[in-house]
Amino acid sequence: MIEVIPKVTIENGRFAEFKPIIVNGRITDVAVVNRGREYNSSPEIRVLNTGDGVGAGLLYAQL
């Protein structure tokens, strides 16, 4: 079960903010809090390892 909210980042662009939606200890979705700007391609969203568990590619999304 997820006990620490994972950090969600993007690989390009600036100022984007995301919030992982966690149901029963699993990430089921990612809410876009701030879509950001200055993208040169569709951003790839990743969940980063926080030290407990495994980091993983989550999804590829257009904002």
Protein backbone atom coordinates (compact mmCIF):
# COMPACT_ATOMS: atom_id res chain seq x y z
CA MET A 1 0.00 0.00 0.00
CA ILE A 2 1.19 3.53 -0.75
CA GLU A 3 1.97 5.36 2.49
CA VAL A 4 3.81 8.33 0.97
CA ILE A 5 2.32 10.40 -1.84
CA PRO A 6 4.66 9.86 -4.80
CA LYS A 7 6.21 12.79 -6.64
CA VAL A 8 4.78 13.17 -10.16
CA THR A 9 6.88 15.15 -12.66
CA ILE A 10 7.10 15.81 -16.38
CA GLU A 11 10.17 15.69 -18.59
CA ASN A 12 9.67 18.96 -20.51
CA GLY A 13 7.75 22.23 -20.13
CA ARG A 14 7.47 24.37 -17.03
CA PHE A 15 5.17 24.98 -14.07
CA ALA A 16 2.98 21.89 -14.50
CA GLU A 17 1.55 20.39 -11.31
CA PHE A 18 -0.12 17.02 -10.85
CA LYS A 19 -1.84 15.18 -8.03
CA PRO A 20 -1.90 11.37 -8.01
CA ILE A 21 -5.30 9.83 -7.25
CA ILE A 22 -4.75 6.85 -4.95
CA VAL A 23 -7.42 4.17 -4.41
CA ASN A 24 -6.73 1.12 -2.23
CA GLY A 25 -3.01 1.91 -2.16
CA ARG A 26 -2.65 2.16 -5.96
CA ILE A 27 -2.37 5.11 -8.30
CA THR A 28 -5.50 4.98 -10.44
CA ASP A 29 -5.31 8.39 -12.11
CA VAL A 30 -3.41 11.67 -12.15
CA ALA A 31 -5.25 14.99 -11.83
CA VAL A 32 -3.77 18.01 -13.61
CA VAL A 33 -3.63 20.84 -11.06
CA ASN A 34 -1.75 23.28 -13.35
CA ARG A 35 -1.20 22.35 -17.01
CA GLY A 36 1.98 24.45 -17.25
CA ARG A 37 3.48 25.83 -20.47
CA GLU A 38 6.47 25.87 -22.84
CA TYR A 39 6.19 22.27 -24.04
CA ASN A 40 8.12 21.18 -27.13
CA SER A 41 6.20 17.87 -27.29
CA SER A 42 3.49 15.99 -25.40
CA PRO A 43 4.77 15.53 -21.85
CA GLU A 44 5.58 12.11 -20.48
CA ILE A 45 4.36 11.80 -16.92
CA ARG A 46 6.44 9.68 -14.55
CA VAL A 47 6.09 8.52 -10.98
CA LEU A 48 9.44 8.77 -9.22
CA ASN A 49 10.75 6.41 -6.58
CA THR A 50 10.46 8.04 -3.16
CA GLY A 51 12.79 5.50 -1.54
CA ASP A 52 10.07 2.97 -0.68
CA GLY A 53 8.75 0.85 -3.51
CA VAL A 54 9.49 1.13 -7.19
CA GLY A 55 9.31 4.15 -9.50
CA ALA A 56 7.41 3.50 -12.71
CA GLY A 57 6.38 5.07 -15.99
CA LEU A 58 2.72 6.00 -15.53
CA LEU A 59 1.25 7.31 -18.76
CA TYR A 60 1.82 9.50 -21.78
CA ALA A 61 -0.61 12.39 -22.00
CA GLN A 62 -1.37 15.49 -24.01
CA LEU A 63 -2.26 18.55 -21.98
